[in-house]
C-alpha atoms as a PDB file:
ATOM      1  CA  UNK A   1    -166.807 101.594 184.871  1.00  0.00           C
ATOM      2  CA  UNK A   2    -167.546 104.088 187.651  1.00  0.00           C
ATOM      3  CA  UNK A   3    -171.095 104.906 188.720  1.00  0.00           C
ATOM      4  CA  UNK A   4    -172.476 108.084 187.152  1.00  0.00           C
ATOM      5  CA  UNK A   5    -172.822 110.949 189.653  1.00  0.00           C
ATOM      6  CA  UNK A   6    -173.872 113.804 187.366  1.00  0.00           C
ATOM      7  CA  UNK A   7    -177.343 115.301 186.752  1.00  0.00           C
ATOM      8  CA  UNK A   8    -179.914 112.495 186.668  1.00  0.00           C
ATOM      9  CA  UNK A   9    -182.284 114.401 184.402  1.00  0.00           C
ATOM     10  CA  UNK A  10    -179.589 114.429 181.719  1.00  0.00           C
ATOM     11  CA  UNK A  11    -179.693 110.607 181.652  1.00  0.00           C
ATOM     12  CA  UNK A  12    -183.453 110.676 181.052  1.00  0.00           C
ATOM     13  CA  UNK A  13    -182.981 113.213 178.257  1.00  0.00           C
ATOM     14  CA  UNK A  14    -180.339 110.998 176.660  1.00  0.00           C
ATOM     15  CA  UNK A  15    -182.784 108.081 176.584  1.00  0.00           C
ATOM     16  CA  UNK A  16    -185.738 110.377 175.800  1.00  0.00           C
ATOM     17  CA  UNK A  17    -187.972 108.863 178.484  1.00  0.00           C
ATOM     18  CA  UNK A  18    -188.441 109.237 182.271  1.00  0.00           C
ATOM     19  CA  UNK A  19    -186.322 106.532 183.938  1.00  0.00           C
ATOM     20  CA  UNK A  20    -187.693 107.249 187.433  1.00  0.00           C
ATOM     21  CA  UNK A  21    -184.196 108.178 188.676  1.00  0.00           C
ATOM     22  CA  UNK A  22    -185.852 110.607 191.092  1.00  0.00           C
ATOM     23  CA  UNK A  23    -188.654 108.180 191.909  1.00  0.00           C
ATOM     24  CA  UNK A  24    -192.258 109.305 191.817  1.00  0.00           C
ATOM     25  CA  UNK A  25    -191.112 112.922 191.420  1.00  0.00           C
ATOM     26  CA  UNK A  26    -190.347 112.057 187.793  1.00  0.00           C
ATOM     27  CA  UNK A  27    -194.089 111.850 187.182  1.00  0.00           C
ATOM     28  CA  UNK A  28    -194.509 115.595 187.755  1.00  0.00           C
ATOM     29  CA  UNK A  29    -194.587 118.248 185.044  1.00  0.00           C
ATOM     30  CA  UNK A  30    -191.095 119.387 186.081  1.00  0.00           C
ATOM     31  CA  UNK A  31    -189.539 116.439 184.252  1.00  0.00           C
ATOM     32  CA  UNK A  32    -187.387 117.957 181.427  1.00  0.00           C
ATOM     33  CA  UNK A  33    -188.335 115.135 179.052  1.00  0.00           C
ATOM     34  CA  UNK A  34    -191.971 116.225 179.342  1.00  0.00           C
ATOM     35  CA  UNK A  35    -191.094 119.921 179.121  1.00  0.00           C
ATOM     36  CA  UNK A  36    -189.350 122.037 176.522  1.00  0.00           C
ATOM     37  CA  UNK A  37    -186.151 119.969 176.342  1.00  0.00           C
ATOM     38  CA  UNK A  38    -187.531 117.175 174.194  1.00  0.00           C
ATOM     39  CA  UNK A  39    -184.156 116.434 172.658  1.00  0.00           C
ATOM     40  CA  UNK A  40    -180.961 114.659 173.808  1.00  0.00           C
ATOM     41  CA  UNK A  41    -178.254 116.698 175.595  1.00  0.00           C
ATOM     42  CA  UNK A  42    -175.359 118.087 173.614  1.00  0.00           C
ATOM     43  CA  UNK A  43    -175.048 120.419 170.633  1.00  0.00           C
ATOM     44  CA  UNK A  44    -178.205 120.601 168.477  1.00  0.00           C
ATOM     45  CA  UNK A  45    -178.171 118.789 165.160  1.00  0.00           C
ATOM     46  CA  UNK A  46    -180.339 119.541 162.169  1.00  0.00           C
ATOM     47  CA  UNK A  47    -180.440 115.902 161.146  1.00  0.00           C
ATOM     48  CA  UNK A  48    -179.855 112.820 163.244  1.00  0.00           C
ATOM     49  CA  UNK A  49    -178.722 109.636 161.570  1.00  0.00           C
ATOM     50  CA  UNK A  50    -180.983 106.600 161.786  1.00  0.00           C
ATOM     51  CA  UNK A  51    -179.826 104.223 164.505  1.00  0.00           C
ATOM     52  CA  UNK A  52    -178.476 100.821 163.518  1.00  0.00           C
ATOM     53  CA  UNK A  53    -179.954  97.644 165.004  1.00  0.00           C
ATOM     54  CA  UNK A  54    -176.971  97.403 167.349  1.00  0.00           C
ATOM     55  CA  UNK A  55    -177.443 101.012 168.501  1.00  0.00           C
ATOM     56  CA  UNK A  56    -181.140 100.397 169.223  1.00  0.00           C
ATOM     57  CA  UNK A  57    -180.280  97.319 171.289  1.00  0.00           C
ATOM     58  CA  UNK A  58    -177.535  99.188 173.139  1.00  0.00           C
ATOM     59  CA  UNK A  59    -179.807 102.133 173.964  1.00  0.00           C
ATOM     60  CA  UNK A  60    -182.464  99.773 175.354  1.00  0.00           C
ATOM     61  CA  UNK A  61    -179.869  98.065 177.533  1.00  0.00           C
ATOM     62  CA  UNK A  62    -178.704 101.441 178.815  1.00  0.00           C
ATOM     63  CA  UNK A  63    -182.276 102.455 179.639  1.00  0.00           C
ATOM     64  CA  UNK A  64    -182.838  99.396 181.826  1.00  0.00           C
ATOM     65  CA  UNK A  65    -179.385  99.434 183.413  1.00  0.00           C
ATOM     66  CA  UNK A  66    -179.499 103.115 184.326  1.00  0.00           C
ATOM     67  CA  UNK A  67    -183.088 102.923 185.541  1.00  0.00           C
ATOM     68  CA  UNK A  68    -182.107 100.320 188.147  1.00  0.00           C
ATOM     69  CA  UNK A  69    -178.787 102.020 188.914  1.00  0.00           C
ATOM     70  CA  UNK A  70    -176.419  99.204 187.968  1.00  0.00           C
ATOM     71  CA  UNK A  71    -172.940  99.476 186.510  1.00  0.00           C
ATOM     72  CA  UNK A  72    -172.122  97.414 183.429  1.00  0.00           C
ATOM     73  CA  UNK A  73    -170.435  94.538 185.286  1.00  0.00           C
ATOM     74  CA  UNK A  74    -173.364  94.147 187.684  1.00  0.00           C
ATOM     75  CA  UNK A  75    -175.856  94.144 184.837  1.00  0.00           C
ATOM     76  CA  UNK A  76    -173.917  91.570 182.823  1.00  0.00           C
ATOM     77  CA  UNK A  77    -173.605  89.230 185.816  1.00  0.00           C
ATOM     78  CA  UNK A  78    -177.324  89.526 186.495  1.00  0.00           C
ATOM     79  CA  UNK A  79    -178.073  88.724 182.850  1.00  0.00           C
ATOM     80  CA  UNK A  80    -175.828  85.667 183.128  1.00  0.00           C
ATOM     81  CA  UNK A  81    -177.880  84.467 186.106  1.00  0.00           C
ATOM     82  CA  UNK A  82    -181.077  85.029 184.105  1.00  0.00           C
ATOM     83  CA  UNK A  83    -179.831  82.809 181.260  1.00  0.00           C
ATOM     84  CA  UNK A  84    -179.321  79.932 183.706  1.00  0.00           C
ATOM     85  CA  UNK A  85    -182.922  80.031 184.928  1.00  0.00           C
ATOM     86  CA  UNK A  86    -185.905  78.205 183.440  1.00  0.00           C
ATOM     87  CA  UNK A  87    -188.267  80.304 181.350  1.00  0.00           C
ATOM     88  CA  UNK A  88    -187.830  83.351 179.131  1.00  0.00           C
ATOM     89  CA  UNK A  89    -184.449  85.021 179.649  1.00  0.00           C
ATOM     90  CA  UNK A  90    -185.785  88.566 179.303  1.00  0.00           C
ATOM     91  CA  UNK A  91    -188.566  87.967 181.839  1.00  0.00           C
ATOM     92  CA  UNK A  92    -186.077  86.338 184.211  1.00  0.00           C
ATOM     93  CA  UNK A  93    -183.771  89.338 183.922  1.00  0.00           C
ATOM     94  CA  UNK A  94    -186.515  91.805 184.789  1.00  0.00           C
ATOM     95  CA  UNK A  95    -187.638  89.648 187.726  1.00  0.00           C
ATOM     96  CA  UNK A  96    -184.098  89.508 189.111  1.00  0.00           C
ATOM     97  CA  UNK A  97    -183.797  93.295 188.813  1.00  0.00           C
ATOM     98  CA  UNK A  98    -187.016  93.721 190.794  1.00  0.00           C
ATOM     99  CA  UNK A  99    -185.802  91.306 193.486  1.00  0.00           C
ATOM    100  CA  UNK A 100    -182.767  93.423 194.368  1.00  0.00           C
ATOM    101  CA  UNK A 101    -183.075  94.684 197.940  1.00  0.00           C
ATOM    102  CA  UNK A 102    -182.603  98.346 196.991  1.00  0.00           C
ATOM    103  CA  UNK A 103    -185.433  98.054 194.454  1.00  0.00           C
ATOM    104  CA  UNK A 104    -187.680  96.279 196.989  1.00  0.00           C
ATOM    105  CA  UNK A 105    -187.132  99.082 199.521  1.00  0.00           C
ATOM    106  CA  UNK A 106    -188.034 101.590 196.804  1.00  0.00           C
ATOM    107  CA  UNK A 107    -191.101  99.627 195.684  1.00  0.00           C
ATOM    108  CA  UNK A 108    -192.324  99.372 199.274  1.00  0.00           C
ATOM    109  CA  UNK A 109    -192.265 103.151 199.526  1.00  0.00           C
ATOM    110  CA  UNK A 110    -189.539 103.469 202.150  1.00  0.00           C
ATOM    111  CA  UNK A 111    -187.423 105.546 199.751  1.00  0.00           C
ATOM    112  CA  UNK A 112    -188.448 108.057 197.101  1.00  0.00           C
ATOM    113  CA  UNK A 113    -185.950 106.722 194.543  1.00  0.00           C
ATOM    114  CA  UNK A 114    -183.754 103.689 193.971  1.00  0.00           C
ATOM    115  CA  UNK A 115    -180.612 105.705 194.701  1.00  0.00           C
ATOM    116  CA  UNK A 116    -182.062 106.764 198.044  1.00  0.00           C
ATOM    117  CA  UNK A 117    -183.064 103.155 198.742  1.00  0.00           C
ATOM    118  CA  UNK A 118    -179.528 102.012 197.914  1.00  0.00           C
ATOM    119  CA  UNK A 119    -178.152 104.456 200.471  1.00  0.00           C
ATOM    120  CA  UNK A 120    -180.605 103.238 203.128  1.00  0.00           C
ATOM    121  CA  UNK A 121    -179.460  99.669 202.597  1.00  0.00           C
ATOM    122  CA  UNK A 122    -175.746 100.484 202.547  1.00  0.00           C
ATOM    123  CA  UNK A 123    -176.052 102.589 205.698  1.00  0.00           C
ATOM    124  CA  UNK A 124    -177.497  99.571 207.514  1.00  0.00           C
ATOM    125  CA  UNK A 125    -181.027 100.896 208.073  1.00  0.00           C
ATOM    126  CA  UNK A 126    -182.852  97.850 206.664  1.00  0.00           C
ATOM    127  CA  UNK A 127    -183.522  94.393 208.106  1.00  0.00           C
ATOM    128  CA  UNK A 128    -184.357  91.251 206.128  1.00  0.00           C
ATOM    129  CA  UNK A 129    -186.046  88.579 208.240  1.00  0.00           C
ATOM    130  CA  UNK A 130    -184.919  90.673 211.260  1.00  0.00           C
ATOM    131  CA  UNK A 131    -181.275  90.354 210.204  1.00  0.00           C
ATOM    132  CA  UNK A 132    -179.264  93.437 209.112  1.00  0.00           C
ATOM    133  CA  UNK A 133    -178.388  93.428 205.407  1.00  0.00           C
ATOM    134  CA  UNK A 134    -176.272  96.209 203.889  1.00  0.00           C
ATOM    135  CA  UNK A 135    -175.850  94.753 200.380  1.00  0.00           C
ATOM    136  CA  UNK A 136    -177.991  96.598 197.836  1.00  0.00           C
ATOM    137  CA  UNK A 137    -177.843  93.711 195.349  1.00  0.00           C
ATOM    138  CA  UNK A 138    -179.112  91.193 197.931  1.00  0.00           C
ATOM    139  CA  UNK A 139    -181.765  89.065 196.214  1.00  0.00           C
ATOM    140  CA  UNK A 140    -185.012  88.590 198.126  1.00  0.00           C
ATOM    141  CA  UNK A 141    -187.234  85.512 197.937  1.00  0.00           C
ATOM    142  CA  UNK A 142    -190.909  84.808 198.478  1.00  0.00           C
ATOM    143  CA  UNK A 143    -191.925  84.876 202.144  1.00  0.00           C
ATOM    144  CA  UNK A 144    -189.134  87.196 203.283  1.00  0.00           C
ATOM    145  CA  UNK A 145    -189.901  90.270 205.378  1.00  0.00           C
ATOM    146  CA  UNK A 146    -188.167  93.627 204.990  1.00  0.00           C
ATOM    147  CA  UNK A 147    -188.439  96.337 207.610  1.00  0.00           C
ATOM    148  CA  UNK A 148    -186.801  99.529 208.756  1.00  0.00           C
ATOM    149  CA  UNK A 149    -184.547  99.477 211.807  1.00  0.00           C
ATOM    150  CA  UNK A 150    -186.137 100.858 214.970  1.00  0.00           C
ATOM    151  CA  UNK A 151    -183.593 103.700 215.167  1.00  0.00           C
ATOM    152  CA  UNK A 152    -184.645 104.983 211.744  1.00  0.00           C
ATOM    153  CA  UNK A 153    -188.463 104.645 211.845  1.00  0.00           C
ATOM    154  CA  UNK A 154    -189.044 108.302 212.760  1.00  0.00           C
ATOM    155  CA  UNK A 155    -186.658 109.740 210.189  1.00  0.00           C
ATOM    156  CA  UNK A 156    -188.114 112.736 208.328  1.00  0.00           C
ATOM    157  CA  UNK A 157    -186.903 111.509 204.930  1.00  0.00           C
ATOM    158  CA  UNK A 158    -188.552 108.135 205.534  1.00  0.00           C
ATOM    159  CA  UNK A 159    -191.837 109.763 206.515  1.00  0.00           C
ATOM    160  CA  UNK A 160    -191.795 111.951 203.387  1.00  0.00           C
ATOM    161  CA  UNK A 161    -191.194 108.898 201.186  1.00  0.00           C
ATOM    162  CA  UNK A 162    -194.081 107.017 202.800  1.00  0.00           C
ATOM    163  CA  UNK A 163    -196.432 109.971 202.346  1.00  0.00           C
ATOM    164  CA  UNK A 164    -195.519 110.094 198.666  1.00  0.00           C
ATOM    165  CA  UNK A 165    -195.991 106.325 198.280  1.00  0.00           C
ATOM    166  CA  UNK A 166    -199.443 106.536 199.882  1.00  0.00           C
ATOM    167  CA  UNK A 167    -200.416 109.445 197.636  1.00  0.00           C
ATOM    168  CA  UNK A 168    -199.565 107.669 194.372  1.00  0.00           C
ATOM    169  CA  UNK A 169    -200.517 104.147 195.586  1.00  0.00           C
ATOM    170  CA  UNK A 170    -197.487 102.647 193.850  1.00  0.00           C
ATOM    171  CA  UNK A 171    -196.906  99.421 195.849  1.00  0.00           C
ATOM    172  CA  UNK A 172    -196.941  96.468 193.390  1.00  0.00           C
ATOM    173  CA  UNK A 173    -199.136  93.414 193.894  1.00  0.00           C
ATOM    174  CA  UNK A 174    -196.248  91.075 194.717  1.00  0.00           C
ATOM    175  CA  UNK A 175    -195.493  93.074 197.872  1.00  0.00           C
ATOM    176  CA  UNK A 176    -197.479  93.555 201.067  1.00  0.00           C
ATOM    177  CA  UNK A 177    -196.624  96.680 203.053  1.00  0.00           C
ATOM    178  CA  UNK A 178    -197.577  97.879 206.528  1.00  0.00           C
ATOM    179  CA  UNK A 179    -196.606 101.552 206.564  1.00  0.00           C
ATOM    180  CA  UNK A 180    -197.407 101.947 210.267  1.00  0.00           C
ATOM    181  CA  UNK A 181    -194.973  99.184 211.254  1.00  0.00           C
ATOM    182  CA  UNK A 182    -192.490 100.290 208.568  1.00  0.00           C
ATOM    183  CA  UNK A 183    -192.320  96.731 207.250  1.00  0.00           C
ATOM    184  CA  UNK A 184    -193.253  94.714 204.198  1.00  0.00           C
ATOM    185  CA  UNK A 185    -193.389  91.140 202.959  1.00  0.00           C
ATOM    186  CA  UNK A 186    -192.632  89.514 199.612  1.00  0.00           C
ATOM    187  CA  UNK A 187    -195.813  87.494 199.042  1.00  0.00           C
ATOM    188  CA  UNK A 188    -194.644  86.129 195.670  1.00  0.00           C
ATOM    189  CA  UNK A 189    -191.869  86.606 193.166  1.00  0.00           C
ATOM    190  CA  UNK A 190    -192.389  89.407 190.611  1.00  0.00           C
ATOM    191  CA  UNK A 191    -193.314  88.564 187.018  1.00  0.00           C
ATOM    192  CA  UNK A 192    -192.958  90.669 183.886  1.00  0.00           C
ATOM    193  CA  UNK A 193    -196.564  91.856 183.990  1.00  0.00           C
ATOM    194  CA  UNK A 194    -195.890  93.470 187.388  1.00  0.00           C
ATOM    195  CA  UNK A 195    -193.400  95.886 185.802  1.00  0.00           C
ATOM    196  CA  UNK A 196    -195.163  98.823 184.194  1.00  0.00           C
ATOM    197  CA  UNK A 197    -192.068 100.449 182.699  1.00  0.00           C
ATOM    198  CA  UNK A 198    -191.984 100.522 178.903  1.00  0.00           C
ATOM    199  CA  UNK A 199    -188.848  98.410 178.374  1.00  0.00           C
ATOM    200  CA  UNK A 200    -188.125  95.964 175.560  1.00  0.00           C
ATOM    201  CA  UNK A 201    -185.885  93.449 177.328  1.00  0.00           C
ATOM    202  CA  UNK A 202    -185.794  91.198 174.250  1.00  0.00           C
ATOM    203  CA  UNK A 203    -183.456  93.738 172.636  1.00  0.00           C
ATOM    204  CA  UNK A 204    -181.032  93.240 175.539  1.00  0.00           C
ATOM    205  CA  UNK A 205    -181.186  89.453 175.054  1.00  0.00           C
ATOM    206  CA  UNK A 206    -180.377  89.936 171.370  1.00  0.00           C
ATOM    207  CA  UNK A 207    -177.506  92.289 172.238  1.00  0.00           C
ATOM    208  CA  UNK A 208    -175.802  89.904 174.651  1.00  0.00           C
ATOM    209  CA  UNK A 209    -176.456  86.894 172.410  1.00  0.00           C
ATOM    210  CA  UNK A 210    -174.137  88.207 169.678  1.00  0.00           C
END
């Protein structure tokens, strides 16, 4: 399955909630889900059929997968890893999603969205423990440091993202960020309570358990 490259706001309208596909800019009043278009894309229907249990589970899986920018194969493999870990499978899945390098770069405020963070990583602008890493799915661990390469520290796009991150104060507690040095540290692994998004990961567990 190819990665979706169409309008990102249409994805949010399909799921009827802001998925933060444009980062913190989704919190503004310009979000179509919060505006007049409070209905899914496509031709209008007078009556919409009630969703089956399977459809509800599928829609929840799509919300989480699209929010983090994964294709179906990536998401299924990550779920498989979560089932092999100790603890609650749903919580493990969400923790593994947060530990992806592209998400960490986004959470640290070095990119205004996960898609932008993914591009930064793939273009080789990020260092993990002072070693270049260009794999967006790279999984960070506690104690690791992530910083921007010296050649990219004065980039205008990076500076705009940092200004936005400072304005909304969105850095989670499991990360420690030094915006002046363009670096951050993973002080502990993320837990479910660190994720503020309104997801019901148990529905995904039920879906894949069939």
